[in-house]
């Protein structure tokens, strides 16, 4: 009896739900090396998807608890750009629907550039609402980076088209009249905060890349304003610009 071509089996596996699927079990009886390779690849894919599903559910624990208390609109809030020598601090606030599902979503710093870009598009498309807050370097110098971070977060919250009933914030307390919880490493433990971290980082990275096109000597498109050796050398040779934070070392030692 002729066996199914391996390419045909590969196509069929794309519609198999899991390793307990009757079709998958049937293919286990095929001794051909090519089929064995396909099955091992499929098993690894299922295992990875299961891990991502479990991770996603674990990162929903704050949200689930609040949904059970009757809250509906939860905003995750996070920022990026507290440490760089140049550019703004950017925050995002995101309200996700209760049925939101994006396996693999986590702290934006742990995602590849391509994955982060794809997730950014998906989150913006599927969120109930999102807001972005941007505080420039001059304001950072005036009020300090900690206060500027809070201003960016509040600005992001105020831009939400839907008023949040509760805030989940990454390691920060805000002086706003909205119930809130500050979560250490929230971008890796809360889906809502993880989503906001992706939007904040993509927004800031885009800003710095555009700045890099205007001022290529500083390498902003690569260092995102952080104090790399090349960036510090460029500051010494090209000088300090408005986008630099004059209150940050080593810039403050140069301007003083």
C-alpha atoms as a PDB file:
ATOM      1  CA  UNK A   1       0.000   0.000   0.000  1.00  0.00           C
ATOM      2  CA  UNK A   2       1.410   3.402  -1.004  1.00  0.00           C
ATOM      3  CA  UNK A   3       2.204   5.725   1.854  1.00  0.00           C
ATOM      4  CA  UNK A   4       1.267   9.410   1.822  1.00  0.00           C
ATOM      5  CA  UNK A   5       3.986  11.713   0.460  1.00  0.00           C
ATOM      6  CA  UNK A   6       5.939  13.471   3.210  1.00  0.00           C
ATOM      7  CA  UNK A   7       4.980  16.902   1.864  1.00  0.00           C
ATOM      8  CA  UNK A   8       1.325  15.947   2.129  1.00  0.00           C
ATOM      9  CA  UNK A   9       1.840  14.809   5.724  1.00  0.00           C
ATOM     10  CA  UNK A  10       3.571  18.114   6.501  1.00  0.00           C
ATOM     11  CA  UNK A  11       0.558  20.010   5.160  1.00  0.00           C
ATOM     12  CA  UNK A  12      -1.832  17.855   7.192  1.00  0.00           C
ATOM     13  CA  UNK A  13       0.161  18.465  10.387  1.00  0.00           C
ATOM     14  CA  UNK A  14      -0.499  22.194  10.076  1.00  0.00           C
ATOM     15  CA  UNK A  15      -4.143  21.428  10.901  1.00  0.00           C
ATOM     16  CA  UNK A  16      -3.440  18.985  13.724  1.00  0.00           C
ATOM     17  CA  UNK A  17      -4.499  20.301  17.135  1.00  0.00           C
ATOM     18  CA  UNK A  18      -2.025  18.395  19.303  1.00  0.00           C
ATOM     19  CA  UNK A  19      -0.082  15.200  19.866  1.00  0.00           C
ATOM     20  CA  UNK A  20      -3.257  13.429  20.992  1.00  0.00           C
ATOM     21  CA  UNK A  21      -4.920  14.147  17.638  1.00  0.00           C
ATOM     22  CA  UNK A  22      -5.865  10.864  15.863  1.00  0.00           C
ATOM     23  CA  UNK A  23      -4.060  12.003  12.710  1.00  0.00           C
ATOM     24  CA  UNK A  24      -0.820  12.622  14.608  1.00  0.00           C
ATOM     25  CA  UNK A  25      -1.123   9.228  16.311  1.00  0.00           C
ATOM     26  CA  UNK A  26      -1.640   7.630  12.922  1.00  0.00           C
ATOM     27  CA  UNK A  27       1.564   9.177  11.528  1.00  0.00           C
ATOM     28  CA  UNK A  28       3.553   7.764  14.448  1.00  0.00           C
ATOM     29  CA  UNK A  29       3.340   4.379  12.750  1.00  0.00           C
ATOM     30  CA  UNK A  30       5.251   5.700   9.756  1.00  0.00           C
ATOM     31  CA  UNK A  31       8.898   4.595  10.046  1.00  0.00           C
ATOM     32  CA  UNK A  32      10.303   6.940   7.396  1.00  0.00           C
ATOM     33  CA  UNK A  33      13.059   9.257   8.629  1.00  0.00           C
ATOM     34  CA  UNK A  34      11.445  12.306   7.028  1.00  0.00           C
ATOM     35  CA  UNK A  35       8.162  11.662   8.807  1.00  0.00           C
ATOM     36  CA  UNK A  36       9.969  11.110  12.116  1.00  0.00           C
ATOM     37  CA  UNK A  37      11.672  14.478  11.670  1.00  0.00           C
ATOM     38  CA  UNK A  38       8.336  16.166  10.966  1.00  0.00           C
ATOM     39  CA  UNK A  39       6.782  14.639  14.085  1.00  0.00           C
ATOM     40  CA  UNK A  40       9.670  15.703  16.324  1.00  0.00           C
ATOM     41  CA  UNK A  41       9.433  19.237  14.933  1.00  0.00           C
ATOM     42  CA  UNK A  42       5.695  19.270  15.538  1.00  0.00           C
ATOM     43  CA  UNK A  43       6.126  18.019  19.120  1.00  0.00           C
ATOM     44  CA  UNK A  44       8.635  20.798  19.856  1.00  0.00           C
ATOM     45  CA  UNK A  45       6.234  23.357  18.400  1.00  0.00           C
ATOM     46  CA  UNK A  46       3.382  22.079  20.592  1.00  0.00           C
ATOM     47  CA  UNK A  47       5.655  22.101  23.649  1.00  0.00           C
ATOM     48  CA  UNK A  48       6.698  25.694  22.973  1.00  0.00           C
ATOM     49  CA  UNK A  49       3.100  26.804  22.427  1.00  0.00           C
ATOM     50  CA  UNK A  50       2.085  25.115  25.688  1.00  0.00           C
ATOM     51  CA  UNK A  51       4.843  26.909  27.594  1.00  0.00           C
ATOM     52  CA  UNK A  52       3.863  30.280  26.114  1.00  0.00           C
ATOM     53  CA  UNK A  53       0.210  29.622  26.943  1.00  0.00           C
ATOM     54  CA  UNK A  54       1.104  28.777  30.552  1.00  0.00           C
ATOM     55  CA  UNK A  55       3.328  31.856  30.796  1.00  0.00           C
ATOM     56  CA  UNK A  56       0.550  34.070  29.447  1.00  0.00           C
ATOM     57  CA  UNK A  57      -1.959  32.700  31.946  1.00  0.00           C
ATOM     58  CA  UNK A  58       0.524  33.208  34.795  1.00  0.00           C
ATOM     59  CA  UNK A  59       0.984  36.845  33.738  1.00  0.00           C
ATOM     60  CA  UNK A  60      -2.790  37.341  33.899  1.00  0.00           C
ATOM     61  CA  UNK A  61      -3.032  36.716  37.625  1.00  0.00           C
ATOM     62  CA  UNK A  62      -3.251  40.406  38.619  1.00  0.00           C
ATOM     63  CA  UNK A  63      -5.811  41.101  35.910  1.00  0.00           C
ATOM     64  CA  UNK A  64      -7.928  38.047  36.743  1.00  0.00           C
ATOM     65  CA  UNK A  65      -8.060  38.972  40.423  1.00  0.00           C
ATOM     66  CA  UNK A  66      -9.249  42.488  39.575  1.00  0.00           C
ATOM     67  CA  UNK A  67     -11.819  41.251  37.056  1.00  0.00           C
ATOM     68  CA  UNK A  68     -13.230  39.019  39.788  1.00  0.00           C
ATOM     69  CA  UNK A  69     -13.547  42.070  42.047  1.00  0.00           C
ATOM     70  CA  UNK A  70     -15.692  43.730  39.390  1.00  0.00           C
ATOM     71  CA  UNK A  71     -13.188  45.994  37.687  1.00  0.00           C
ATOM     72  CA  UNK A  72     -13.522  46.137  33.919  1.00  0.00           C
ATOM     73  CA  UNK A  73     -11.073  48.678  32.574  1.00  0.00           C
ATOM     74  CA  UNK A  74      -7.551  47.998  33.843  1.00  0.00           C
ATOM     75  CA  UNK A  75      -4.674  50.091  32.529  1.00  0.00           C
ATOM     76  CA  UNK A  76      -1.144  48.736  32.507  1.00  0.00           C
ATOM     77  CA  UNK A  77       1.439  51.527  32.777  1.00  0.00           C
ATOM     78  CA  UNK A  78       5.171  51.388  32.078  1.00  0.00           C
ATOM     79  CA  UNK A  79       8.024  53.596  30.885  1.00  0.00           C
ATOM     80  CA  UNK A  80      11.290  53.385  28.994  1.00  0.00           C
ATOM     81  CA  UNK A  81      14.245  55.722  28.826  1.00  0.00           C
ATOM     82  CA  UNK A  82      15.122  56.554  32.408  1.00  0.00           C
ATOM     83  CA  UNK A  83      18.820  55.813  31.956  1.00  0.00           C
ATOM     84  CA  UNK A  84      19.926  57.313  28.612  1.00  0.00           C
ATOM     85  CA  UNK A  85      22.015  60.456  28.244  1.00  0.00           C
ATOM     86  CA  UNK A  86      19.766  61.779  25.487  1.00  0.00           C
ATOM     87  CA  UNK A  87      16.167  61.784  24.370  1.00  0.00           C
ATOM     88  CA  UNK A  88      12.847  61.742  26.212  1.00  0.00           C
ATOM     89  CA  UNK A  89      11.441  59.399  28.807  1.00  0.00           C
ATOM     90  CA  UNK A  90       8.381  57.719  27.297  1.00  0.00           C
ATOM     91  CA  UNK A  91       5.469  56.023  29.050  1.00  0.00           C
ATOM     92  CA  UNK A  92       2.480  54.092  27.773  1.00  0.00           C
ATOM     93  CA  UNK A  93      -0.857  53.187  29.319  1.00  0.00           C
ATOM     94  CA  UNK A  94      -2.837  50.317  27.805  1.00  0.00           C
ATOM     95  CA  UNK A  95      -6.318  48.944  28.515  1.00  0.00           C
ATOM     96  CA  UNK A  96      -6.728  45.438  27.098  1.00  0.00           C
ATOM     97  CA  UNK A  97      -9.989  43.537  26.548  1.00  0.00           C
ATOM     98  CA  UNK A  98     -10.615  40.648  28.923  1.00  0.00           C
ATOM     99  CA  UNK A  99     -10.295  38.110  26.097  1.00  0.00           C
ATOM    100  CA  UNK A 100      -6.963  39.507  24.871  1.00  0.00           C
ATOM    101  CA  UNK A 101      -4.491  36.767  23.980  1.00  0.00           C
ATOM    102  CA  UNK A 102      -0.955  37.234  22.706  1.00  0.00           C
ATOM    103  CA  UNK A 103       1.304  34.316  23.708  1.00  0.00           C
ATOM    104  CA  UNK A 104       4.929  35.326  24.099  1.00  0.00           C
ATOM    105  CA  UNK A 105       4.118  38.839  25.322  1.00  0.00           C
ATOM    106  CA  UNK A 106       6.478  39.830  28.125  1.00  0.00           C
ATOM    107  CA  UNK A 107       8.929  42.559  29.150  1.00  0.00           C
ATOM    108  CA  UNK A 108       9.764  44.410  25.909  1.00  0.00           C
ATOM    109  CA  UNK A 109      13.501  44.188  26.647  1.00  0.00           C
ATOM    110  CA  UNK A 110      13.277  40.389  26.398  1.00  0.00           C
ATOM    111  CA  UNK A 111      11.695  40.435  22.929  1.00  0.00           C
ATOM    112  CA  UNK A 112      13.534  40.479  19.620  1.00  0.00           C
ATOM    113  CA  UNK A 113      13.234  43.694  17.610  1.00  0.00           C
ATOM    114  CA  UNK A 114      10.983  41.992  15.056  1.00  0.00           C
ATOM    115  CA  UNK A 115       8.762  40.371  17.668  1.00  0.00           C
ATOM    116  CA  UNK A 116       8.454  43.665  19.527  1.00  0.00           C
ATOM    117  CA  UNK A 117       7.481  45.476  16.324  1.00  0.00           C
ATOM    118  CA  UNK A 118       4.861  42.828  15.493  1.00  0.00           C
ATOM    119  CA  UNK A 119       3.462  42.910  19.034  1.00  0.00           C
ATOM    120  CA  UNK A 120       3.337  46.715  18.936  1.00  0.00           C
ATOM    121  CA  UNK A 121       1.058  46.608  15.884  1.00  0.00           C
ATOM    122  CA  UNK A 122      -1.135  43.859  17.368  1.00  0.00           C
ATOM    123  CA  UNK A 123      -1.546  45.607  20.738  1.00  0.00           C
ATOM    124  CA  UNK A 124      -2.451  48.949  19.163  1.00  0.00           C
ATOM    125  CA  UNK A 125      -4.998  47.227  16.940  1.00  0.00           C
ATOM    126  CA  UNK A 126      -6.623  45.133  19.671  1.00  0.00           C
ATOM    127  CA  UNK A 127      -6.416  47.310  22.777  1.00  0.00           C
ATOM    128  CA  UNK A 128      -9.568  48.984  24.067  1.00  0.00           C
ATOM    129  CA  UNK A 129      -7.491  52.133  24.426  1.00  0.00           C
ATOM    130  CA  UNK A 130      -3.880  53.256  24.773  1.00  0.00           C
ATOM    131  CA  UNK A 131      -2.075  56.491  25.511  1.00  0.00           C
ATOM    132  CA  UNK A 132       1.519  57.655  25.141  1.00  0.00           C
ATOM    133  CA  UNK A 133       3.333  60.167  27.366  1.00  0.00           C
ATOM    134  CA  UNK A 134       6.565  61.850  26.279  1.00  0.00           C
ATOM    135  CA  UNK A 135       8.651  64.119  28.529  1.00  0.00           C
ATOM    136  CA  UNK A 136      11.610  65.832  26.887  1.00  0.00           C
ATOM    137  CA  UNK A 137      15.176  66.195  28.127  1.00  0.00           C
ATOM    138  CA  UNK A 138      14.761  69.821  29.209  1.00  0.00           C
ATOM    139  CA  UNK A 139      11.913  68.888  31.548  1.00  0.00           C
ATOM    140  CA  UNK A 140      13.941  65.936  32.831  1.00  0.00           C
ATOM    141  CA  UNK A 141      16.732  68.385  33.718  1.00  0.00           C
ATOM    142  CA  UNK A 142      14.251  70.666  35.497  1.00  0.00           C
ATOM    143  CA  UNK A 143      12.359  68.163  37.621  1.00  0.00           C
ATOM    144  CA  UNK A 144      14.745  65.095  37.688  1.00  0.00           C
ATOM    145  CA  UNK A 145      14.211  61.793  35.937  1.00  0.00           C
ATOM    146  CA  UNK A 146      12.072  60.225  38.670  1.00  0.00           C
ATOM    147  CA  UNK A 147       9.525  63.050  38.588  1.00  0.00           C
ATOM    148  CA  UNK A 148       9.691  63.185  34.781  1.00  0.00           C
ATOM    149  CA  UNK A 149       8.852  59.483  34.661  1.00  0.00           C
ATOM    150  CA  UNK A 150       5.744  60.099  36.755  1.00  0.00           C
ATOM    151  CA  UNK A 151       4.751  63.002  34.495  1.00  0.00           C
ATOM    152  CA  UNK A 152       5.083  60.764  31.418  1.00  0.00           C
ATOM    153  CA  UNK A 153       2.948  58.064  33.037  1.00  0.00           C
ATOM    154  CA  UNK A 154       0.237  60.535  34.064  1.00  0.00           C
ATOM    155  CA  UNK A 155       0.270  62.038  30.571  1.00  0.00           C
ATOM    156  CA  UNK A 156      -0.182  58.573  29.059  1.00  0.00           C
ATOM    157  CA  UNK A 157      -3.097  57.814  31.384  1.00  0.00           C
ATOM    158  CA  UNK A 158      -4.761  61.134  30.555  1.00  0.00           C
ATOM    159  CA  UNK A 159      -4.608  60.278  26.844  1.00  0.00           C
ATOM    160  CA  UNK A 160      -6.695  57.128  27.285  1.00  0.00           C
ATOM    161  CA  UNK A 161     -10.030  57.434  25.479  1.00  0.00           C
ATOM    162  CA  UNK A 162     -11.584  55.174  28.146  1.00  0.00           C
ATOM    163  CA  UNK A 163     -11.159  56.147  31.788  1.00  0.00           C
ATOM    164  CA  UNK A 164      -9.378  53.331  33.644  1.00  0.00           C
ATOM    165  CA  UNK A 165     -10.937  51.979  36.830  1.00  0.00           C
ATOM    166  CA  UNK A 166      -7.660  50.571  38.120  1.00  0.00           C
ATOM    167  CA  UNK A 167      -3.961  51.011  37.336  1.00  0.00           C
ATOM    168  CA  UNK A 168      -1.278  48.339  37.281  1.00  0.00           C
ATOM    169  CA  UNK A 169       2.015  50.248  37.307  1.00  0.00           C
ATOM    170  CA  UNK A 170       5.561  49.035  36.912  1.00  0.00           C
ATOM    171  CA  UNK A 171       7.391  49.877  40.160  1.00  0.00           C
ATOM    172  CA  UNK A 172       5.869  53.337  40.618  1.00  0.00           C
ATOM    173  CA  UNK A 173       3.182  55.089  42.665  1.00  0.00           C
ATOM    174  CA  UNK A 174       1.283  57.920  41.021  1.00  0.00           C
ATOM    175  CA  UNK A 175      -0.558  60.834  42.595  1.00  0.00           C
ATOM    176  CA  UNK A 176      -3.816  60.268  40.714  1.00  0.00           C
ATOM    177  CA  UNK A 177      -7.305  59.545  41.984  1.00  0.00           C
ATOM    178  CA  UNK A 178      -7.450  56.064  40.524  1.00  0.00           C
ATOM    179  CA  UNK A 179      -6.975  52.839  42.528  1.00  0.00           C
ATOM    180  CA  UNK A 180      -3.604  51.370  41.689  1.00  0.00           C
ATOM    181  CA  UNK A 181      -1.000  48.751  42.444  1.00  0.00           C
ATOM    182  CA  UNK A 182       2.732  49.189  42.009  1.00  0.00           C
ATOM    183  CA  UNK A 183       4.321  45.921  40.852  1.00  0.00           C
ATOM    184  CA  UNK A 184       8.067  45.308  40.966  1.00  0.00           C
ATOM    185  CA  UNK A 185       9.157  43.874  37.593  1.00  0.00           C
ATOM    186  CA  UNK A 186       5.563  44.294  36.460  1.00  0.00           C
ATOM    187  CA  UNK A 187       6.546  44.205  32.790  1.00  0.00           C
ATOM    188  CA  UNK A 188       7.495  40.542  33.271  1.00  0.00           C
ATOM    189  CA  UNK A 189       4.596  39.575  35.550  1.00  0.00           C
ATOM    190  CA  UNK A 190       1.540  41.448  34.253  1.00  0.00           C
ATOM    191  CA  UNK A 191       0.200  41.221  30.706  1.00  0.00           C
ATOM    192  CA  UNK A 192      -1.199  44.767  30.847  1.00  0.00           C
ATOM    193  CA  UNK A 193       2.130  46.231  31.946  1.00  0.00           C
ATOM    194  CA  UNK A 194       4.018  44.102  29.411  1.00  0.00           C
ATOM    195  CA  UNK A 195       1.783  45.507  26.668  1.00  0.00           C
ATOM    196  CA  UNK A 196       2.482  49.060  27.804  1.00  0.00           C
ATOM    197  CA  UNK A 197       6.230  48.369  27.903  1.00  0.00           C
ATOM    198  CA  UNK A 198       6.131  47.274  24.251  1.00  0.00           C
ATOM    199  CA  UNK A 199       4.291  50.433  23.147  1.00  0.00           C
ATOM    200  CA  UNK A 200       6.569  52.681  25.178  1.00  0.00           C
ATOM    201  CA  UNK A 201       9.773  51.110  23.873  1.00  0.00           C
ATOM    202  CA  UNK A 202       8.645  51.060  20.242  1.00  0.00           C
ATOM    203  CA  UNK A 203       7.594  54.721  20.493  1.00  0.00           C
ATOM    204  CA  UNK A 204      10.881  55.802  22.018  1.00  0.00           C
ATOM    205  CA  UNK A 205      13.028  53.659  19.718  1.00  0.00           C
ATOM    206  CA  UNK A 206      11.266  55.144  16.682  1.00  0.00           C
ATOM    207  CA  UNK A 207      11.886  58.646  18.024  1.00  0.00           C
ATOM    208  CA  UNK A 208      15.585  57.951  18.598  1.00  0.00           C
ATOM    209  CA  UNK A 209      16.037  56.348  15.172  1.00  0.00           C
ATOM    210  CA  UNK A 210      14.551  59.443  13.538  1.00  0.00           C
ATOM    211  CA  UNK A 211      16.842  61.594  15.663  1.00  0.00           C
ATOM    212  CA  UNK A 212      19.729  59.435  14.510  1.00  0.00           C
ATOM    213  CA  UNK A 213      18.960  60.312  10.895  1.00  0.00           C
ATOM    214  CA  UNK A 214      19.194  64.024  11.728  1.00  0.00           C
ATOM    215  CA  UNK A 215      22.343  63.708  13.823  1.00  0.00           C
ATOM    216  CA  UNK A 216      24.210  60.610  12.583  1.00  0.00           C
ATOM    217  CA  UNK A 217      27.433  61.399  14.436  1.00  0.00           C
ATOM    218  CA  UNK A 218      25.892  60.422  17.786  1.00  0.00           C
ATOM    219  CA  UNK A 219      24.626  56.997  16.680  1.00  0.00           C
ATOM    220  CA  UNK A 220      21.209  57.465  18.282  1.00  0.00           C
ATOM    221  CA  UNK A 221      19.688  54.911  15.910  1.00  0.00           C
ATOM    222  CA  UNK A 222      21.907  52.262  17.527  1.00  0.00           C
ATOM    223  CA  UNK A 223      22.505  53.384  21.132  1.00  0.00           C
ATOM    224  CA  UNK A 224      19.013  54.884  21.667  1.00  0.00           C
ATOM    225  CA  UNK A 225      20.662  57.675  23.625  1.00  0.00           C
ATOM    226  CA  UNK A 226      22.416  55.439  26.149  1.00  0.00           C
ATOM    227  CA  UNK A 227      25.942  56.275  27.220  1.00  0.00           C
ATOM    228  CA  UNK A 228      27.917  53.898  25.046  1.00  0.00           C
ATOM    229  CA  UNK A 229      31.618  54.522  24.523  1.00  0.00           C
ATOM    230  CA  UNK A 230      30.947  55.735  20.979  1.00  0.00           C
ATOM    231  CA  UNK A 231      28.199  58.086  22.151  1.00  0.00           C
ATOM    232  CA  UNK A 232      30.392  59.644  24.852  1.00  0.00           C
ATOM    233  CA  UNK A 233      33.217  60.076  22.335  1.00  0.00           C
ATOM    234  CA  UNK A 234      30.797  61.774  19.932  1.00  0.00           C
ATOM    235  CA  UNK A 235      29.727  64.172  22.679  1.00  0.00           C
ATOM    236  CA  UNK A 236      33.383  65.159  23.218  1.00  0.00           C
ATOM    237  CA  UNK A 237      33.964  65.741  19.512  1.00  0.00           C
ATOM    238  CA  UNK A 238      30.578  67.035  18.312  1.00  0.00           C
ATOM    239  CA  UNK A 239      29.417  68.808  21.448  1.00  0.00           C
ATOM    240  CA  UNK A 240      26.235  68.699  23.502  1.00  0.00           C
ATOM    241  CA  UNK A 241      22.833  69.220  21.894  1.00  0.00           C
ATOM    242  CA  UNK A 242      19.377  70.051  23.241  1.00  0.00           C
ATOM    243  CA  UNK A 243      18.344  66.397  23.219  1.00  0.00           C
ATOM    244  CA  UNK A 244      21.081  65.617  25.737  1.00  0.00           C
ATOM    245  CA  UNK A 245      20.242  65.557  29.440  1.00  0.00           C
ATOM    246  CA  UNK A 246      22.463  68.210  30.984  1.00  0.00           C
ATOM    247  CA  UNK A 247      21.815  66.922  34.504  1.00  0.00           C
ATOM    248  CA  UNK A 248      23.249  63.474  33.715  1.00  0.00           C
ATOM    249  CA  UNK A 249      26.901  62.475  34.074  1.00  0.00           C
ATOM    250  CA  UNK A 250      29.233  62.838  32.234  1.00  0.00           C
ATOM    251  CA  UNK A 251      27.360  65.669  30.453  1.00  0.00           C
ATOM    252  CA  UNK A 252      26.838  67.766  33.593  1.00  0.00           C
ATOM    253  CA  UNK A 253      30.581  67.758  34.229  1.00  0.00           C
ATOM    254  CA  UNK A 254      31.156  69.078  30.708  1.00  0.00           C
ATOM    255  CA  UNK A 255      28.582  71.896  30.891  1.00  0.00           C
ATOM    256  CA  UNK A 256      29.492  72.986  34.425  1.00  0.00           C
END
